[in-house]
Amino acid sequence: MAESRVPRRRRFLVCEPRHFAVQYAINPWMSTGRPVDVVRALDQWQALVETYRAHGHTVDTVEPVPGLPDMVFAANCAVVVEGRVLGSVFHAPERRPESVPFETWFKTEGFDVHRPESVCEGEGDLVPAGRWVLAGTGFRTAPEAHREAQEFFGVPVVSLTLVDPYFYHLDTALFVLDDGGKGGAGNIAYYPGAFSPGSREVLERLYPDAVLATREDAMAFGLNSVCDGRHVFLAPGARQLAGRLAGLGYEPVPVDLSEFHKAGGGIKCCTQEIRETRS
C-alpha cells in the first residue's frame, strides 16, 4: 500500500532556535521552572531540517531575533494558500513582535502580506486542507479571523472549537494526511477529545475515514506533525499513531523535538509551509 502514497515536494520556512527559552507561561506546557537545553534544542531542530531536506523538501530560514524566544515556532506567524500570505496578530503580547520579521521575510521574497485585524495565529489555527481551510478557535485565534481568512483566500473556512487547554492550537490536535487537492476532501488525523461536541460531529461528517489518535499520542505531540502525502514526520513518542499510519501505507519518520515540548510546540509548530500556486 505504501507504494500508492505519493509524496509531494514542499517548501518550508523555519527559524533557528538560537534564542529559544521558556521565559513566560502562555499555555499549560510552559513553566519557567523547566530550563531549556539550548544546545540540545539546536541539535534537534537541525535534525528536523536535515530530515526534511533528505526527503526532497526545500527549507528556507528566517533570521532569529534576540528577545523573541518563541520565534522558532514559525507556523504561528502566517498561513500561505496559493501564494497569498495572511500574517498574524498574536493573542499574547509577548509574541506580537514576532510578526514583523516574518512579514519582512515574505515581502523580501516577493509576497504580498495581508495583516489580519483580529487575533490570528497563522498555521497554528488555520490548517489548509484542499478544498477548504480548517480553522481552530477557543484559546487563541478569534472567530472573526476565520471570516477574514475566508474573504482573503476565497476558500471555504470550517470553524472548529477547541476545548482542552493542552491543545490550544488546532495544529496540536489535528494534521492533514492528504489534502485531496482543490477538488477533494483528502484525509486527516485528529484527537476527538480536543474538540467541542459539535466540532467533533463536523469532523466526522467531513472525514469519515479519519485516523483517530488517543490522548496518549496527542499528549506526546503526535498530532503536531507534518505529512508530505507519504512520509509523516512525527514525534517518536506517538507509537500507537505511528503504527496505525504505517498500516495505512504511510511511512512514519520519527523526529525528536522533545526540548520544544517544554514550550508547547513540536514538529509542525516549527514548520511554516509556503503553498504556492500548483501548476
C-alpha atoms as a PDB file:
ATOM      1  CA  MET A   1       0.000   0.000   0.000  1.00  0.00           C
ATOM      2  CA  ALA A   2       2.930   2.356   0.710  1.00  0.00           C
ATOM      3  CA  GLU A   3       3.698   2.480  -2.995  1.00  0.00           C
ATOM      4  CA  SER A   4       0.329   4.165  -3.598  1.00  0.00           C
ATOM      5  CA  ARG A   5       1.182   7.047  -1.255  1.00  0.00           C
ATOM      6  CA  VAL A   6       2.933   9.645  -3.366  1.00  0.00           C
ATOM      7  CA  PRO A   7       4.950  12.353  -1.607  1.00  0.00           C
ATOM      8  CA  ARG A   8       4.787  15.915  -2.902  1.00  0.00           C
ATOM      9  CA  ARG A   9       7.761  18.174  -2.540  1.00  0.00           C
ATOM     10  CA  ARG A  10       7.101  21.004  -0.146  1.00  0.00           C
ATOM     11  CA  ARG A  11       8.676  24.348   0.643  1.00  0.00           C
ATOM     12  CA  PHE A  12       9.099  25.029   4.346  1.00  0.00           C
ATOM     13  CA  LEU A  13      10.080  28.110   6.312  1.00  0.00           C
ATOM     14  CA  VAL A  14      11.783  27.693   9.689  1.00  0.00           C
ATOM     15  CA  CYS A  15      13.634  29.777  12.285  1.00  0.00           C
ATOM     16  CA  GLU A  16      16.727  28.626  14.161  1.00  0.00           C
ATOM     17  CA  PRO A  17      16.127  28.366  17.950  1.00  0.00           C
ATOM     18  CA  ARG A  18      19.212  30.410  18.758  1.00  0.00           C
ATOM     19  CA  HIS A  19      17.299  32.384  21.411  1.00  0.00           C
ATOM     20  CA  PHE A  20      14.795  29.703  22.402  1.00  0.00           C
ATOM     21  CA  ALA A  21      13.826  29.704  26.080  1.00  0.00           C
ATOM     22  CA  VAL A  22      10.768  29.476  28.310  1.00  0.00           C
ATOM     23  CA  GLN A  23      10.596  32.987  29.743  1.00  0.00           C
ATOM     24  CA  TYR A  24       6.837  33.208  30.327  1.00  0.00           C
ATOM     25  CA  ALA A  25       3.843  30.861  30.510  1.00  0.00           C
ATOM     26  CA  ILE A  26       1.032  31.216  27.958  1.00  0.00           C
ATOM     27  CA  ASN A  27      -0.082  27.574  27.732  1.00  0.00           C
ATOM     28  CA  PRO A  28      -0.212  24.608  30.155  1.00  0.00           C
ATOM     29  CA  TRP A  29       3.047  23.147  28.837  1.00  0.00           C
ATOM     30  CA  MET A  30       5.128  26.182  29.718  1.00  0.00           C
ATOM     31  CA  SER A  31       6.844  26.611  33.070  1.00  0.00           C
ATOM     32  CA  THR A  32       9.706  28.975  33.782  1.00  0.00           C
ATOM     33  CA  GLY A  33      10.945  26.342  36.243  1.00  0.00           C
ATOM     34  CA  ARG A  34      11.816  23.990  33.371  1.00  0.00           C
ATOM     35  CA  PRO A  35      15.072  25.260  31.876  1.00  0.00           C
ATOM     36  CA  VAL A  36      15.706  24.714  28.190  1.00  0.00           C
ATOM     37  CA  ASP A  37      18.844  22.947  26.986  1.00  0.00           C
ATOM     38  CA  VAL A  38      19.619  25.291  24.102  1.00  0.00           C
ATOM     39  CA  VAL A  39      22.369  23.091  22.667  1.00  0.00           C
ATOM     40  CA  ARG A  40      20.035  20.107  22.588  1.00  0.00           C
ATOM     41  CA  ALA A  41      17.265  22.230  21.096  1.00  0.00           C
ATOM     42  CA  LEU A  42      19.590  23.389  18.312  1.00  0.00           C
ATOM     43  CA  ASP A  43      20.628  19.804  17.587  1.00  0.00           C
ATOM     44  CA  GLN A  44      17.019  18.616  17.455  1.00  0.00           C
ATOM     45  CA  TRP A  45      15.972  21.490  15.218  1.00  0.00           C
ATOM     46  CA  GLN A  46      18.905  20.892  12.859  1.00  0.00           C
ATOM     47  CA  ALA A  47      17.952  17.213  12.665  1.00  0.00           C
ATOM     48  CA  LEU A  48      14.438  18.231  11.595  1.00  0.00           C
ATOM     49  CA  VAL A  49      15.796  20.499   8.853  1.00  0.00           C
ATOM     50  CA  GLU A  50      18.165  17.807   7.616  1.00  0.00           C
ATOM     51  CA  THR A  51      15.352  15.243   7.625  1.00  0.00           C
ATOM     52  CA  TYR A  52      13.149  17.488   5.501  1.00  0.00           C
ATOM     53  CA  ARG A  53      15.944  18.058   3.003  1.00  0.00           C
ATOM     54  CA  ALA A  54      16.817  14.353   2.907  1.00  0.00           C
ATOM     55  CA  HIS A  55      13.225  13.716   1.814  1.00  0.00           C
ATOM     56  CA  GLY A  56      13.443  16.219  -1.036  1.00  0.00           C
ATOM     57  CA  HIS A  57      11.849  19.268   0.568  1.00  0.00           C
ATOM     58  CA  THR A  58      13.089  22.848   0.310  1.00  0.00           C
ATOM     59  CA  VAL A  59      13.814  24.616   3.583  1.00  0.00           C
ATOM     60  CA  ASP A  60      14.192  28.395   3.911  1.00  0.00           C
ATOM     61  CA  THR A  61      15.122  30.184   7.121  1.00  0.00           C
ATOM     62  CA  VAL A  62      14.215  33.416   8.886  1.00  0.00           C
ATOM     63  CA  GLU A  63      16.927  35.056  10.979  1.00  0.00           C
ATOM     64  CA  PRO A  64      16.059  34.759  14.699  1.00  0.00           C
ATOM     65  CA  VAL A  65      15.711  37.952  16.726  1.00  0.00           C
ATOM     66  CA  PRO A  66      17.085  38.299  20.275  1.00  0.00           C
ATOM     67  CA  GLY A  67      14.341  38.660  22.845  1.00  0.00           C
ATOM     68  CA  LEU A  68      11.822  36.608  20.851  1.00  0.00           C
ATOM     69  CA  PRO A  69      12.259  33.106  22.322  1.00  0.00           C
ATOM     70  CA  ASP A  70       9.215  31.596  20.587  1.00  0.00           C
ATOM     71  CA  MET A  71      10.162  32.765  17.102  1.00  0.00           C
ATOM     72  CA  VAL A  72      11.273  29.185  16.411  1.00  0.00           C
ATOM     73  CA  PHE A  73       7.568  28.312  16.146  1.00  0.00           C
ATOM     74  CA  ALA A  74       7.390  29.592  12.582  1.00  0.00           C
ATOM     75  CA  ALA A  75       3.983  28.071  11.847  1.00  0.00           C
ATOM     76  CA  ASN A  76       2.264  30.640  14.057  1.00  0.00           C
ATOM     77  CA  CYS A  77       3.405  33.702  12.113  1.00  0.00           C
ATOM     78  CA  ALA A  78       1.446  33.278   8.877  1.00  0.00           C
ATOM     79  CA  VAL A  79      -0.551  30.960   6.663  1.00  0.00           C
ATOM     80  CA  VAL A  80       0.070  30.706   2.927  1.00  0.00           C
ATOM     81  CA  VAL A  81      -2.511  29.481   0.413  1.00  0.00           C
ATOM     82  CA  GLU A  82      -1.713  29.593  -3.319  1.00  0.00           C
ATOM     83  CA  GLY A  83       0.899  32.274  -2.803  1.00  0.00           C
ATOM     84  CA  ARG A  84      -1.347  34.515  -0.702  1.00  0.00           C
ATOM     85  CA  VAL A  85       0.080  35.283   2.732  1.00  0.00           C
ATOM     86  CA  LEU A  86      -2.141  36.048   5.708  1.00  0.00           C
ATOM     87  CA  GLY A  87       0.033  37.334   8.535  1.00  0.00           C
ATOM     88  CA  SER A  88      -0.536  37.081  12.266  1.00  0.00           C
ATOM     89  CA  VAL A  89      -1.693  39.056  15.264  1.00  0.00           C
ATOM     90  CA  PHE A  90      -0.778  37.123  18.388  1.00  0.00           C
ATOM     91  CA  HIS A  91      -3.032  36.747  21.407  1.00  0.00           C
ATOM     92  CA  ALA A  92      -0.135  37.051  23.875  1.00  0.00           C
ATOM     93  CA  PRO A  93       1.601  40.450  23.951  1.00  0.00           C
ATOM     94  CA  GLU A  94       4.944  38.676  24.416  1.00  0.00           C
ATOM     95  CA  ARG A  95       4.709  37.138  20.951  1.00  0.00           C
ATOM     96  CA  ARG A  96       3.279  40.018  18.930  1.00  0.00           C
ATOM     97  CA  PRO A  97       6.688  41.356  17.782  1.00  0.00           C
ATOM     98  CA  GLU A  98       7.384  38.027  16.015  1.00  0.00           C
ATOM     99  CA  SER A  99       5.050  39.002  13.183  1.00  0.00           C
ATOM    100  CA  VAL A 100       7.372  41.715  11.890  1.00  0.00           C
ATOM    101  CA  PRO A 101      10.469  39.682  10.890  1.00  0.00           C
ATOM    102  CA  PHE A 102       8.303  37.059   9.198  1.00  0.00           C
ATOM    103  CA  GLU A 103       6.325  39.689   7.330  1.00  0.00           C
ATOM    104  CA  THR A 104       9.619  41.259   6.235  1.00  0.00           C
ATOM    105  CA  TRP A 105      10.896  37.885   5.009  1.00  0.00           C
ATOM    106  CA  PHE A 106       7.799  37.250   2.909  1.00  0.00           C
ATOM    107  CA  LYS A 107       7.886  40.734   1.388  1.00  0.00           C
ATOM    108  CA  THR A 108      11.585  40.336   0.560  1.00  0.00           C
ATOM    109  CA  GLU A 109      10.703  37.099  -1.228  1.00  0.00           C
ATOM    110  CA  GLY A 110       8.131  38.939  -3.333  1.00  0.00           C
ATOM    111  CA  PHE A 111       4.943  38.018  -1.480  1.00  0.00           C
ATOM    112  CA  ASP A 112       2.228  40.477  -0.553  1.00  0.00           C
ATOM    113  CA  VAL A 113       1.243  40.106   3.092  1.00  0.00           C
ATOM    114  CA  HIS A 114      -2.209  40.855   4.458  1.00  0.00           C
ATOM    115  CA  ARG A 115      -2.187  41.599   8.168  1.00  0.00           C
ATOM    116  CA  PRO A 116      -5.429  40.496   9.852  1.00  0.00           C
ATOM    117  CA  GLU A 117      -7.467  42.826  12.029  1.00  0.00           C
ATOM    118  CA  SER A 118      -8.396  40.095  14.534  1.00  0.00           C
ATOM    119  CA  VAL A 119      -6.228  37.824  16.655  1.00  0.00           C
ATOM    120  CA  CYS A 120      -4.930  35.211  14.237  1.00  0.00           C
ATOM    121  CA  GLU A 121      -2.071  32.818  14.915  1.00  0.00           C
ATOM    122  CA  GLY A 122      -1.256  31.570  11.434  1.00  0.00           C
ATOM    123  CA  GLU A 123      -0.974  27.863  10.773  1.00  0.00           C
ATOM    124  CA  GLY A 124      -1.351  27.249  14.467  1.00  0.00           C
ATOM    125  CA  ASP A 125      -5.101  27.555  13.966  1.00  0.00           C
ATOM    126  CA  LEU A 126      -5.587  27.788  10.192  1.00  0.00           C
ATOM    127  CA  VAL A 127      -4.911  24.457   8.506  1.00  0.00           C
ATOM    128  CA  PRO A 128      -5.286  24.385   4.703  1.00  0.00           C
ATOM    129  CA  ALA A 129      -6.903  21.114   3.700  1.00  0.00           C
ATOM    130  CA  GLY A 130      -7.508  21.090  -0.036  1.00  0.00           C
ATOM    131  CA  ARG A 131     -10.980  22.417  -0.844  1.00  0.00           C
ATOM    132  CA  TRP A 132     -11.269  24.264   2.481  1.00  0.00           C
ATOM    133  CA  VAL A 133      -9.335  25.637   5.450  1.00  0.00           C
ATOM    134  CA  LEU A 134      -9.913  24.049   8.838  1.00  0.00           C
ATOM    135  CA  ALA A 135      -9.834  26.777  11.473  1.00  0.00           C
ATOM    136  CA  GLY A 136      -9.475  26.482  15.233  1.00  0.00           C
ATOM    137  CA  THR A 137     -10.749  28.832  17.915  1.00  0.00           C
ATOM    138  CA  GLY A 138     -11.331  28.692  21.657  1.00  0.00           C
ATOM    139  CA  PHE A 139      -7.966  29.690  23.055  1.00  0.00           C
ATOM    140  CA  ARG A 140      -6.026  31.812  20.567  1.00  0.00           C
ATOM    141  CA  THR A 141      -7.339  32.708  17.097  1.00  0.00           C
ATOM    142  CA  ALA A 142     -10.588  34.690  17.172  1.00  0.00           C
ATOM    143  CA  PRO A 143     -13.658  33.530  15.196  1.00  0.00           C
ATOM    144  CA  GLU A 144     -13.571  36.874  13.366  1.00  0.00           C
ATOM    145  CA  ALA A 145     -10.209  35.854  11.905  1.00  0.00           C
ATOM    146  CA  HIS A 146     -11.890  32.831  10.322  1.00  0.00           C
ATOM    147  CA  ARG A 147     -14.137  35.176   8.395  1.00  0.00           C
ATOM    148  CA  GLU A 148     -11.168  37.317   7.424  1.00  0.00           C
ATOM    149  CA  ALA A 149      -9.331  34.244   6.143  1.00  0.00           C
ATOM    150  CA  GLN A 150     -12.292  33.189   4.024  1.00  0.00           C
ATOM    151  CA  GLU A 151     -12.600  36.633   2.467  1.00  0.00           C
ATOM    152  CA  PHE A 152      -8.866  36.874   1.846  1.00  0.00           C
ATOM    153  CA  PHE A 153      -8.254  33.398   0.417  1.00  0.00           C
ATOM    154  CA  GLY A 154     -11.637  32.913  -1.244  1.00  0.00           C
ATOM    155  CA  VAL A 155     -11.700  29.400   0.196  1.00  0.00           C
ATOM    156  CA  PRO A 156     -14.424  27.990   2.495  1.00  0.00           C
ATOM    157  CA  VAL A 157     -13.339  28.064   6.130  1.00  0.00           C
ATOM    158  CA  VAL A 158     -14.623  25.425   8.548  1.00  0.00           C
ATOM    159  CA  SER A 159     -14.643  26.689  12.144  1.00  0.00           C
ATOM    160  CA  LEU A 160     -13.792  24.193  14.882  1.00  0.00           C
ATOM    161  CA  THR A 161     -13.890  24.855  18.630  1.00  0.00           C
ATOM    162  CA  LEU A 162     -11.064  23.600  20.841  1.00  0.00           C
ATOM    163  CA  VAL A 163     -11.968  22.831  24.452  1.00  0.00           C
ATOM    164  CA  ASP A 164      -8.852  21.297  26.046  1.00  0.00           C
ATOM    165  CA  PRO A 165      -6.176  23.853  27.025  1.00  0.00           C
ATOM    166  CA  TYR A 166      -3.405  21.332  26.351  1.00  0.00           C
ATOM    167  CA  PHE A 167      -4.469  21.538  22.705  1.00  0.00           C
ATOM    168  CA  TYR A 168      -4.621  25.295  22.500  1.00  0.00           C
ATOM    169  CA  HIS A 169      -3.870  25.429  18.761  1.00  0.00           C
ATOM    170  CA  LEU A 170      -5.564  23.360  16.077  1.00  0.00           C
ATOM    171  CA  ASP A 171      -2.195  22.047  14.903  1.00  0.00           C
ATOM    172  CA  THR A 172      -1.664  20.337  18.255  1.00  0.00           C
ATOM    173  CA  ALA A 173      -4.869  18.327  17.801  1.00  0.00           C
ATOM    174  CA  LEU A 174      -5.081  17.696  14.047  1.00  0.00           C
ATOM    175  CA  PHE A 175      -2.936  17.431  10.943  1.00  0.00           C
ATOM    176  CA  VAL A 176      -3.569  16.825   7.261  1.00  0.00           C
ATOM    177  CA  LEU A 177      -2.518  13.486   5.797  1.00  0.00           C
ATOM    178  CA  ASP A 178      -3.791  14.135   2.283  1.00  0.00           C
ATOM    179  CA  ASP A 179      -5.219  17.487   1.200  1.00  0.00           C
ATOM    180  CA  GLY A 180      -7.047  15.935  -1.741  1.00  0.00           C
ATOM    181  CA  GLY A 181      -6.169  18.886  -3.981  1.00  0.00           C
ATOM    182  CA  LYS A 182      -8.743  21.547  -4.865  1.00  0.00           C
ATOM    183  CA  GLY A 183     -11.446  19.028  -5.656  1.00  0.00           C
ATOM    184  CA  GLY A 184     -11.104  16.505  -2.878  1.00  0.00           C
ATOM    185  CA  ALA A 185     -11.597  16.287   0.865  1.00  0.00           C
ATOM    186  CA  GLY A 186      -8.431  14.267   1.464  1.00  0.00           C
ATOM    187  CA  ASN A 187      -7.933  12.928   4.958  1.00  0.00           C
ATOM    188  CA  ILE A 188      -6.707  13.947   8.391  1.00  0.00           C
ATOM    189  CA  ALA A 189      -5.595  12.561  11.734  1.00  0.00           C
ATOM    190  CA  TYR A 190      -7.006  14.118  14.904  1.00  0.00           C
ATOM    191  CA  TYR A 191      -7.756  13.671  18.597  1.00  0.00           C
ATOM    192  CA  PRO A 192     -11.544  13.890  19.158  1.00  0.00           C
ATOM    193  CA  GLY A 193     -11.261  14.899  22.821  1.00  0.00           C
ATOM    194  CA  ALA A 194      -9.699  18.224  21.878  1.00  0.00           C
ATOM    195  CA  PHE A 195     -12.924  19.415  20.227  1.00  0.00           C
ATOM    196  CA  SER A 196     -16.402  20.502  21.260  1.00  0.00           C
ATOM    197  CA  PRO A 197     -19.228  18.000  20.558  1.00  0.00           C
ATOM    198  CA  GLY A 198     -20.469  19.975  17.552  1.00  0.00           C
ATOM    199  CA  SER A 199     -16.975  20.258  16.089  1.00  0.00           C
ATOM    200  CA  ARG A 200     -16.467  16.510  16.500  1.00  0.00           C
ATOM    201  CA  GLU A 201     -19.655  15.959  14.511  1.00  0.00           C
ATOM    202  CA  VAL A 202     -18.393  18.268  11.773  1.00  0.00           C
ATOM    203  CA  LEU A 203     -15.109  16.377  11.528  1.00  0.00           C
ATOM    204  CA  GLU A 204     -16.921  13.040  11.466  1.00  0.00           C
ATOM    205  CA  ARG A 205     -19.054  14.243   8.534  1.00  0.00           C
ATOM    206  CA  LEU A 206     -16.151  15.754   6.601  1.00  0.00           C
ATOM    207  CA  TYR A 207     -13.683  12.946   7.290  1.00  0.00           C
ATOM    208  CA  PRO A 208     -15.458   9.631   7.919  1.00  0.00           C
ATOM    209  CA  ASP A 209     -12.190   7.753   7.340  1.00  0.00           C
ATOM    210  CA  ALA A 210     -10.000   9.980   9.510  1.00  0.00           C
ATOM    211  CA  VAL A 211      -7.278   8.459  11.660  1.00  0.00           C
ATOM    212  CA  LEU A 212      -8.270   8.961  15.292  1.00  0.00           C
ATOM    213  CA  ALA A 213      -5.489   9.399  17.817  1.00  0.00           C
ATOM    214  CA  THR A 214      -5.535   8.542  21.507  1.00  0.00           C
ATOM    215  CA  ARG A 215      -4.977  11.156  24.179  1.00  0.00           C
ATOM    216  CA  GLU A 216      -1.652   9.484  24.956  1.00  0.00           C
ATOM    217  CA  ASP A 217      -0.412  10.036  21.409  1.00  0.00           C
ATOM    218  CA  ALA A 218      -1.835  13.555  21.326  1.00  0.00           C
ATOM    219  CA  MET A 219      -0.054  14.442  24.576  1.00  0.00           C
ATOM    220  CA  ALA A 220       3.156  13.118  23.010  1.00  0.00           C
ATOM    221  CA  PHE A 221       2.720  15.776  20.276  1.00  0.00           C
ATOM    222  CA  GLY A 222       1.852  13.085  17.754  1.00  0.00           C
ATOM    223  CA  LEU A 223      -0.652  15.375  16.052  1.00  0.00           C
ATOM    224  CA  ASN A 224       1.773  18.267  15.743  1.00  0.00           C
ATOM    225  CA  SER A 225       3.058  16.507  12.646  1.00  0.00           C
ATOM    226  CA  VAL A 226       3.824  17.194   9.004  1.00  0.00           C
ATOM    227  CA  CYS A 227       2.875  14.862   6.142  1.00  0.00           C
ATOM    228  CA  ASP A 228       4.041  15.180   2.541  1.00  0.00           C
ATOM    229  CA  GLY A 229       1.486  12.674   1.286  1.00  0.00           C
ATOM    230  CA  ARG A 230       3.551   9.639   2.168  1.00  0.00           C
ATOM    231  CA  HIS A 231       6.118  10.462   4.838  1.00  0.00           C
ATOM    232  CA  VAL A 232       4.770  11.540   8.213  1.00  0.00           C
ATOM    233  CA  PHE A 233       7.289  13.472  10.273  1.00  0.00           C
ATOM    234  CA  LEU A 234       6.108  12.884  13.827  1.00  0.00           C
ATOM    235  CA  ALA A 235       7.150  12.680  17.460  1.00  0.00           C
ATOM    236  CA  PRO A 236       8.764   9.332  18.435  1.00  0.00           C
ATOM    237  CA  GLY A 237       6.515   9.059  21.482  1.00  0.00           C
ATOM    238  CA  ALA A 238       3.357   8.706  19.376  1.00  0.00           C
ATOM    239  CA  ARG A 239       3.849   4.975  18.921  1.00  0.00           C
ATOM    240  CA  GLN A 240       0.241   3.852  18.502  1.00  0.00           C
ATOM    241  CA  LEU A 241      -0.406   6.560  15.934  1.00  0.00           C
ATOM    242  CA  ALA A 242       2.757   5.655  14.034  1.00  0.00           C
ATOM    243  CA  GLY A 243       1.615   2.038  13.893  1.00  0.00           C
ATOM    244  CA  ARG A 244      -1.826   2.959  12.569  1.00  0.00           C
ATOM    245  CA  LEU A 245      -0.342   5.222   9.924  1.00  0.00           C
ATOM    246  CA  ALA A 246       2.112   2.556   8.818  1.00  0.00           C
ATOM    247  CA  GLY A 247      -0.786   0.134   8.479  1.00  0.00           C
ATOM    248  CA  LEU A 248      -2.479   2.596   6.114  1.00  0.00           C
ATOM    249  CA  GLY A 249       0.543   2.834   3.857  1.00  0.00           C
ATOM    250  CA  TYR A 250       2.172   5.957   5.270  1.00  0.00           C
ATOM    251  CA  GLU A 251       5.819   5.975   6.248  1.00  0.00           C
ATOM    252  CA  PRO A 252       6.369   7.375   9.757  1.00  0.00           C
ATOM    253  CA  VAL A 253       9.592   9.372  10.109  1.00  0.00           C
ATOM    254  CA  PRO A 254      10.275   9.938  13.831  1.00  0.00           C
ATOM    255  CA  VAL A 255      11.957  13.250  14.678  1.00  0.00           C
ATOM    256  CA  ASP A 256      12.619  14.074  18.325  1.00  0.00           C
ATOM    257  CA  LEU A 257      11.770  17.682  19.217  1.00  0.00           C
ATOM    258  CA  SER A 258      11.168  16.972  22.900  1.00  0.00           C
ATOM    259  CA  GLU A 259      13.058  20.068  24.049  1.00  0.00           C
ATOM    260  CA  PHE A 260      10.404  22.186  22.338  1.00  0.00           C
ATOM    261  CA  HIS A 261       7.603  20.374  24.148  1.00  0.00           C
ATOM    262  CA  LYS A 262       8.588  22.457  27.183  1.00  0.00           C
ATOM    263  CA  ALA A 263       7.065  25.440  25.372  1.00  0.00           C
ATOM    264  CA  GLY A 264       4.096  23.515  23.976  1.00  0.00           C
ATOM    265  CA  GLY A 265       5.493  23.032  20.487  1.00  0.00           C
ATOM    266  CA  GLY A 266       6.691  20.295  18.178  1.00  0.00           C
ATOM    267  CA  ILE A 267       7.409  19.496  14.564  1.00  0.00           C
ATOM    268  CA  LYS A 268       4.532  21.365  12.950  1.00  0.00           C
ATOM    269  CA  CYS A 269       4.888  24.362  15.252  1.00  0.00           C
ATOM    270  CA  CYS A 270       8.441  24.752  13.944  1.00  0.00           C
ATOM    271  CA  THR A 271       7.363  24.423  10.311  1.00  0.00           C
ATOM    272  CA  GLN A 272       5.659  27.037   8.141  1.00  0.00           C
ATOM    273  CA  GLU A 273       4.592  25.682   4.748  1.00  0.00           C
ATOM    274  CA  ILE A 274       4.788  28.004   1.765  1.00  0.00           C
ATOM    275  CA  ARG A 275       1.967  26.862  -0.503  1.00  0.00           C
ATOM    276  CA  GLU A 276       2.471  28.430  -3.898  1.00  0.00           C
ATOM    277  CA  THR A 277       0.112  28.018  -6.830  1.00  0.00           C
ATOM    278  CA  ARG A 278       0.254  24.489  -8.192  1.00  0.00           C
ATOM    279  CA  SER A 279       0.770  24.097 -11.928  1.00  0.00           C
END
